[in-house]
Every structure is written in C-alpha cells, then in structure tokens.
N, C-alpha and C. Protein backbone atom coordinates (compact mmCIF):
# COMPACT_ATOMS: atom_id res chain seq x y z
N MET A 1 0.82 -1.19 0.00
CA MET A 1 0.00 0.00 0.00
C MET A 1 0.87 1.26 0.00
N ALA A 2 1.88 1.28 0.84
CA ALA A 2 2.75 2.46 0.91
C ALA A 2 3.48 2.67 -0.42
N GLY A 3 3.89 1.55 -1.05
CA GLY A 3 4.56 1.65 -2.34
C GLY A 3 3.66 2.25 -3.40
N LYS A 4 2.37 1.94 -3.34
CA LYS A 4 1.42 2.46 -4.31
C LYS A 4 1.26 3.97 -4.16
N LYS A 5 1.14 4.45 -2.90
CA LYS A 5 1.03 5.88 -2.66
C LYS A 5 2.27 6.60 -3.16
N TRP A 6 3.41 6.01 -2.88
CA TRP A 6 4.66 6.65 -3.31
C TRP A 6 4.70 6.80 -4.82
N SER A 7 4.29 5.76 -5.54
CA SER A 7 4.34 5.83 -6.99
C SER A 7 3.34 6.85 -7.53
N GLU A 8 2.17 6.98 -6.88
CA GLU A 8 1.20 7.99 -7.31
C GLU A 8 1.73 9.40 -7.05
N GLN A 9 2.36 9.59 -5.89
CA GLN A 9 2.94 10.90 -5.58
C GLN A 9 4.07 11.22 -6.55
N THR A 10 4.90 10.23 -6.83
CA THR A 10 6.01 10.43 -7.76
C THR A 10 5.47 10.79 -9.13
N LYS A 11 4.43 10.08 -9.54
CA LYS A 11 3.84 10.34 -10.84
C LYS A 11 3.29 11.77 -10.91
N GLU A 12 2.59 12.20 -9.85
CA GLU A 12 2.05 13.57 -9.82
C GLU A 12 3.16 14.61 -9.89
N SER A 13 4.20 14.43 -9.09
CA SER A 13 5.28 15.41 -9.08
C SER A 13 6.03 15.39 -10.41
N PHE A 14 6.17 14.20 -11.00
CA PHE A 14 6.86 14.11 -12.28
C PHE A 14 6.07 14.84 -13.36
N THR A 15 4.75 14.64 -13.39
CA THR A 15 3.95 15.31 -14.42
C THR A 15 3.94 16.81 -14.20
N LYS A 16 3.93 17.27 -12.95
CA LYS A 16 3.99 18.70 -12.69
C LYS A 16 5.32 19.27 -13.18
N LYS A 17 6.41 18.58 -12.83
CA LYS A 17 7.73 19.04 -13.27
C LYS A 17 7.83 18.99 -14.79
N LYS A 18 7.30 17.92 -15.37
CA LYS A 18 7.35 17.77 -16.82
C LYS A 18 6.55 18.89 -17.49
N GLY A 19 5.38 19.23 -16.93
CA GLY A 19 4.56 20.30 -17.47
C GLY A 19 5.27 21.64 -17.41
N GLU A 20 5.91 21.92 -16.26
CA GLU A 20 6.65 23.17 -16.11
C GLU A 20 7.83 23.19 -17.07
N LYS A 21 8.48 22.06 -17.20
CA LYS A 21 9.64 21.97 -18.09
C LYS A 21 9.21 22.18 -19.54
N SER A 22 8.10 21.56 -19.94
CA SER A 22 7.66 21.70 -21.33
C SER A 22 7.21 23.13 -21.61
N GLU A 23 6.61 23.80 -20.62
CA GLU A 23 6.24 25.21 -20.81
C GLU A 23 7.48 26.06 -21.02
N LEU A 24 8.51 25.79 -20.27
CA LEU A 24 9.76 26.53 -20.40
C LEU A 24 10.39 26.27 -21.77
N ILE A 25 10.37 25.02 -22.20
CA ILE A 25 10.91 24.65 -23.51
C ILE A 25 10.14 25.36 -24.62
N VAL A 26 8.82 25.35 -24.52
CA VAL A 26 7.99 26.00 -25.54
C VAL A 26 8.32 27.49 -25.59
N LYS A 27 8.44 28.14 -24.44
CA LYS A 27 8.78 29.56 -24.41
C LYS A 27 10.13 29.81 -25.08
N GLN A 28 11.10 28.97 -24.77
CA GLN A 28 12.43 29.12 -25.38
C GLN A 28 12.36 28.90 -26.89
N TYR A 29 11.62 27.90 -27.32
CA TYR A 29 11.51 27.60 -28.74
C TYR A 29 10.79 28.72 -29.49
N LEU A 30 9.74 29.27 -28.88
CA LEU A 30 9.02 30.38 -29.51
C LEU A 30 9.91 31.62 -29.61
N GLU A 31 10.75 31.81 -28.61
CA GLU A 31 11.70 32.93 -28.64
C GLU A 31 12.70 32.75 -29.79
N ILE A 32 13.18 31.53 -29.98
CA ILE A 32 14.10 31.24 -31.10
C ILE A 32 13.38 31.47 -32.42
N ALA A 33 12.14 31.01 -32.52
CA ALA A 33 11.37 31.15 -33.76
C ALA A 33 11.09 32.61 -34.08
N SER A 34 10.95 33.45 -33.07
CA SER A 34 10.63 34.86 -33.30
C SER A 34 11.76 35.60 -34.03
N LYS A 35 12.93 35.02 -34.07
CA LYS A 35 14.07 35.64 -34.75
C LYS A 35 14.02 35.44 -36.26
N PHE A 36 13.08 34.63 -36.75
CA PHE A 36 12.98 34.31 -38.17
C PHE A 36 11.74 34.96 -38.77
N GLU A 37 11.87 35.36 -40.04
CA GLU A 37 10.75 36.00 -40.73
C GLU A 37 9.70 35.00 -41.18
N ASP A 38 10.14 33.81 -41.60
CA ASP A 38 9.17 32.82 -42.06
C ASP A 38 9.52 31.43 -41.55
N ALA A 39 8.52 30.56 -41.59
CA ALA A 39 8.65 29.21 -41.04
C ALA A 39 9.64 28.35 -41.83
N ASN A 40 9.77 28.59 -43.13
CA ASN A 40 10.68 27.77 -43.93
C ASN A 40 12.14 28.00 -43.56
N MET A 41 12.52 29.25 -43.38
CA MET A 41 13.91 29.54 -42.97
C MET A 41 14.18 28.96 -41.57
N PHE A 42 13.18 29.08 -40.70
CA PHE A 42 13.30 28.52 -39.36
C PHE A 42 13.48 27.00 -39.43
N ARG A 43 12.66 26.35 -40.28
CA ARG A 43 12.74 24.89 -40.42
C ARG A 43 14.11 24.46 -40.93
N LYS A 44 14.65 25.22 -41.89
CA LYS A 44 15.94 24.86 -42.46
C LYS A 44 17.07 24.92 -41.43
N GLN A 45 16.99 25.86 -40.50
CA GLN A 45 18.07 26.01 -39.52
C GLN A 45 17.80 25.26 -38.21
N HIS A 46 16.52 25.06 -37.89
CA HIS A 46 16.17 24.39 -36.62
C HIS A 46 15.06 23.37 -36.88
N ASN A 47 15.37 22.34 -37.62
CA ASN A 47 14.37 21.36 -38.02
C ASN A 47 13.70 20.68 -36.82
N ASN A 48 14.47 20.30 -35.83
CA ASN A 48 13.89 19.59 -34.68
C ASN A 48 12.95 20.48 -33.88
N ILE A 49 13.32 21.74 -33.70
CA ILE A 49 12.46 22.67 -32.97
C ILE A 49 11.19 22.93 -33.78
N HIS A 50 11.33 23.08 -35.09
CA HIS A 50 10.16 23.28 -35.97
C HIS A 50 9.21 22.10 -35.84
N THR A 51 9.76 20.89 -35.86
CA THR A 51 8.93 19.69 -35.73
C THR A 51 8.22 19.66 -34.38
N TYR A 52 8.93 20.00 -33.31
CA TYR A 52 8.36 20.04 -31.96
C TYR A 52 7.16 20.99 -31.93
N LEU A 53 7.35 22.20 -32.46
CA LEU A 53 6.26 23.18 -32.45
C LEU A 53 5.12 22.76 -33.36
N ARG A 54 5.44 22.18 -34.52
CA ARG A 54 4.41 21.74 -35.46
C ARG A 54 3.55 20.64 -34.85
N GLN A 55 4.17 19.68 -34.19
CA GLN A 55 3.44 18.57 -33.61
C GLN A 55 2.51 19.01 -32.49
N ARG A 56 2.81 20.13 -31.88
CA ARG A 56 1.98 20.65 -30.80
C ARG A 56 1.02 21.75 -31.28
N GLY A 57 1.02 21.98 -32.60
CA GLY A 57 0.11 22.96 -33.17
C GLY A 57 0.48 24.40 -32.85
N LEU A 58 1.76 24.66 -32.63
CA LEU A 58 2.19 25.99 -32.22
C LEU A 58 2.83 26.82 -33.33
N LEU A 59 2.86 26.31 -34.55
CA LEU A 59 3.45 27.10 -35.63
C LEU A 59 2.64 28.36 -35.90
N ASP A 60 1.33 28.31 -35.70
CA ASP A 60 0.51 29.51 -35.89
C ASP A 60 0.81 30.55 -34.81
N VAL A 61 1.22 30.10 -33.64
CA VAL A 61 1.61 31.03 -32.57
C VAL A 61 2.95 31.66 -32.92
N ALA A 62 3.88 30.85 -33.39
CA ALA A 62 5.21 31.33 -33.71
C ALA A 62 5.21 32.21 -34.96
N PHE A 63 4.39 31.86 -35.94
CA PHE A 63 4.33 32.59 -37.22
C PHE A 63 2.87 32.89 -37.55
N PRO A 64 2.28 33.91 -36.92
CA PRO A 64 0.85 34.18 -37.13
C PRO A 64 0.51 34.61 -38.56
N ASN A 65 1.48 35.12 -39.30
CA ASN A 65 1.20 35.59 -40.66
C ASN A 65 1.60 34.60 -41.73
N ARG A 66 1.87 33.36 -41.36
CA ARG A 66 2.33 32.40 -42.36
C ARG A 66 1.22 32.03 -43.32
N LYS A 67 1.62 31.65 -44.51
CA LYS A 67 0.68 31.33 -45.57
C LYS A 67 -0.09 30.05 -45.23
N ARG A 68 -1.37 30.10 -45.42
CA ARG A 68 -2.22 28.93 -45.20
C ARG A 68 -2.35 28.15 -46.50
N TYR A 69 -2.39 26.85 -46.38
CA TYR A 69 -2.48 26.01 -47.56
C TYR A 69 -3.87 25.44 -47.71
N LYS A 70 -4.21 25.09 -48.93
CA LYS A 70 -5.52 24.52 -49.23
C LYS A 70 -5.59 23.09 -48.67
N PRO A 71 -6.79 22.64 -48.30
CA PRO A 71 -6.92 21.27 -47.79
C PRO A 71 -6.63 20.24 -48.88
N LYS A 72 -6.29 19.04 -48.44
CA LYS A 72 -5.99 17.96 -49.37
C LYS A 72 -7.20 17.70 -50.26
N GLY A 73 -6.95 17.56 -51.55
CA GLY A 73 -8.03 17.30 -52.51
C GLY A 73 -8.65 18.56 -53.08
N TYR A 74 -8.20 19.74 -52.64
CA TYR A 74 -8.77 21.00 -53.13
C TYR A 74 -8.47 21.23 -54.61
N TRP A 75 -7.26 20.87 -55.04
CA TRP A 75 -6.85 21.16 -56.41
C TRP A 75 -7.39 20.12 -57.39
N ASN A 76 -8.67 20.24 -57.70
CA ASN A 76 -9.28 19.41 -58.73
C ASN A 76 -9.33 20.19 -60.03
N LEU A 77 -9.87 19.60 -61.07
CA LEU A 77 -9.90 20.23 -62.40
C LEU A 77 -10.57 21.60 -62.37
N GLU A 78 -11.69 21.70 -61.68
CA GLU A 78 -12.44 22.95 -61.63
C GLU A 78 -11.65 24.06 -60.93
N ASN A 79 -11.06 23.76 -59.77
CA ASN A 79 -10.32 24.78 -59.02
C ASN A 79 -9.02 25.18 -59.71
N ILE A 80 -8.38 24.24 -60.38
CA ILE A 80 -7.17 24.55 -61.14
C ILE A 80 -7.50 25.52 -62.27
N THR A 81 -8.60 25.25 -62.96
CA THR A 81 -9.03 26.11 -64.06
C THR A 81 -9.34 27.52 -63.57
N LYS A 82 -10.05 27.63 -62.45
CA LYS A 82 -10.35 28.95 -61.87
C LYS A 82 -9.07 29.70 -61.52
N GLU A 83 -8.13 29.01 -60.90
CA GLU A 83 -6.88 29.65 -60.49
C GLU A 83 -6.05 30.09 -61.70
N ALA A 84 -6.01 29.27 -62.72
CA ALA A 84 -5.22 29.58 -63.92
C ALA A 84 -5.73 30.82 -64.63
N LYS A 85 -7.01 31.13 -64.49
CA LYS A 85 -7.58 32.32 -65.13
C LYS A 85 -6.97 33.61 -64.58
N ASN A 86 -6.35 33.54 -63.42
CA ASN A 86 -5.74 34.73 -62.81
C ASN A 86 -4.37 35.07 -63.39
N TYR A 87 -3.85 34.22 -64.25
CA TYR A 87 -2.48 34.40 -64.76
C TYR A 87 -2.48 34.48 -66.28
N THR A 88 -1.48 35.18 -66.81
CA THR A 88 -1.43 35.39 -68.26
C THR A 88 -0.52 34.40 -68.98
N SER A 89 0.34 33.71 -68.24
CA SER A 89 1.25 32.77 -68.89
C SER A 89 1.51 31.57 -67.99
N LYS A 90 2.03 30.51 -68.60
CA LYS A 90 2.40 29.31 -67.83
C LYS A 90 3.44 29.66 -66.78
N LYS A 91 4.41 30.48 -67.18
CA LYS A 91 5.49 30.85 -66.26
C LYS A 91 4.95 31.59 -65.04
N GLU A 92 4.06 32.54 -65.27
CA GLU A 92 3.47 33.30 -64.15
C GLU A 92 2.67 32.37 -63.24
N PHE A 93 1.91 31.47 -63.85
CA PHE A 93 1.13 30.48 -63.09
C PHE A 93 2.06 29.63 -62.24
N PHE A 94 3.15 29.16 -62.82
CA PHE A 94 4.11 28.34 -62.09
C PHE A 94 4.75 29.14 -60.95
N ASP A 95 5.16 30.37 -61.23
CA ASP A 95 5.85 31.19 -60.22
C ASP A 95 4.96 31.55 -59.04
N LYS A 96 3.70 31.82 -59.30
CA LYS A 96 2.83 32.33 -58.25
C LYS A 96 1.94 31.29 -57.59
N CYS A 97 1.78 30.14 -58.24
CA CYS A 97 0.94 29.09 -57.64
C CYS A 97 1.46 27.71 -58.07
N GLN A 98 2.61 27.35 -57.54
CA GLN A 98 3.26 26.10 -57.95
C GLN A 98 2.43 24.87 -57.64
N VAL A 99 1.72 24.89 -56.53
CA VAL A 99 0.94 23.71 -56.16
C VAL A 99 -0.12 23.42 -57.22
N ALA A 100 -0.87 24.44 -57.60
CA ALA A 100 -1.91 24.25 -58.62
C ALA A 100 -1.29 23.86 -59.96
N PHE A 101 -0.16 24.49 -60.30
CA PHE A 101 0.51 24.16 -61.55
C PHE A 101 0.92 22.69 -61.56
N ASN A 102 1.56 22.25 -60.49
CA ASN A 102 2.01 20.85 -60.42
C ASN A 102 0.84 19.87 -60.44
N LYS A 103 -0.25 20.21 -59.77
CA LYS A 103 -1.43 19.34 -59.80
C LYS A 103 -2.05 19.30 -61.19
N SER A 104 -1.94 20.42 -61.93
CA SER A 104 -2.52 20.46 -63.28
C SER A 104 -1.78 19.54 -64.24
N LEU A 105 -0.55 19.21 -63.94
CA LEU A 105 0.24 18.35 -64.82
C LEU A 105 -0.31 16.93 -64.89
N LYS A 106 -1.07 16.53 -63.87
CA LYS A 106 -1.63 15.18 -63.91
C LYS A 106 -2.79 15.08 -64.90
N TYR A 107 -3.34 16.22 -65.30
CA TYR A 107 -4.36 16.25 -66.35
C TYR A 107 -3.64 16.54 -67.66
N LYS A 108 -3.45 15.54 -68.47
CA LYS A 108 -2.67 15.68 -69.71
C LYS A 108 -3.24 16.77 -70.61
N GLY A 109 -2.39 17.70 -71.01
CA GLY A 109 -2.77 18.74 -71.94
C GLY A 109 -3.54 19.90 -71.35
N LEU A 110 -3.86 19.87 -70.05
CA LEU A 110 -4.65 20.93 -69.45
C LEU A 110 -3.93 22.27 -69.49
N ILE A 111 -2.67 22.29 -69.11
CA ILE A 111 -1.90 23.53 -69.10
C ILE A 111 -1.87 24.15 -70.49
N ASP A 112 -1.56 23.34 -71.48
CA ASP A 112 -1.50 23.85 -72.86
C ASP A 112 -2.86 24.39 -73.29
N GLU A 113 -3.90 23.68 -72.94
CA GLU A 113 -5.25 24.10 -73.31
C GLU A 113 -5.62 25.43 -72.64
N LEU A 114 -5.31 25.56 -71.35
CA LEU A 114 -5.66 26.77 -70.62
C LEU A 114 -4.94 28.00 -71.17
N PHE A 115 -3.66 27.85 -71.43
CA PHE A 115 -2.89 29.03 -71.84
C PHE A 115 -2.87 29.22 -73.36
N LEU A 116 -3.21 28.21 -74.12
CA LEU A 116 -3.35 28.37 -75.56
C LEU A 116 -4.56 29.24 -75.84
N ARG A 117 -5.62 28.98 -75.11
CA ARG A 117 -6.85 29.75 -75.25
C ARG A 117 -6.60 31.24 -74.94
N LYS A 118 -5.86 31.51 -73.89
CA LYS A 118 -5.58 32.89 -73.50
C LYS A 118 -4.73 33.60 -74.54
N ASN A 119 -3.75 32.90 -75.09
CA ASN A 119 -2.86 33.52 -76.07
C ASN A 119 -3.58 33.80 -77.38
N ASN A 120 -4.58 33.00 -77.73
CA ASN A 120 -5.30 33.19 -78.99
C ASN A 120 -6.37 34.28 -78.89
N GLN A 121 -6.80 34.60 -77.69
CA GLN A 121 -7.89 35.58 -77.52
C GLN A 121 -7.40 36.99 -77.55
C-alpha cells in the first residue's frame, strides 16, 4: 500500500515538473522562432524545434502571418481552371501558384489548353 502511494505521488510530481519543463521549452523555442521571418527559414536552420512546435500545433503562434495552404483534394480540375484564369502565362502560373501548376500536370494537356486559349484571344 505504501509503495502504491509513493508511486502515485512520484507520478504527480513528475507530471507537474514535466509540465513546467515543457512550458519553459515552448517559451524558449518560440523565442528562437521569433528571430525568423518565415517558417521555412526557421525549419531549415532548426528542423527539430520546428517539428516540436508543429506537432503541438504551435506554428501559428510562432508565425501568425504564415501562408495557409488549401486542404488535401482541393486542387481538382475545376479549381485549377479557376486559379489559372488569374495568370497570363504558364510561367506566371508556375511562379505564383506552384501547387496548382504541379497538380494540373496530372491532367494531360490541361496547361497547354488553358494558356493556348488565353494567347489566342
């Protein structure tokens, strides 16, 4: 019985210490992240810290202005076509929206069709 109480007390104190320690780590990591303008540069120099913050959902705290990405499956034929209408050339489309451009490549001839039409009009 005494051993059981001891283990429960140890567990409680360990989790309290662990919680305080993780809060301190998070504060230190957020301070390091604040020195970077964007999440990609931060990830390149501090990959492990970036992963730690990402897994805990804290990248939005560290980089509140970071670019949001479309959900998986968003870039279908219809949405790619809508997005491509905003650009005048393949190169501009590639430079400004690489994800949509790359997804459009799986539809054979779509890129040529979209920008051929624009060039002929």
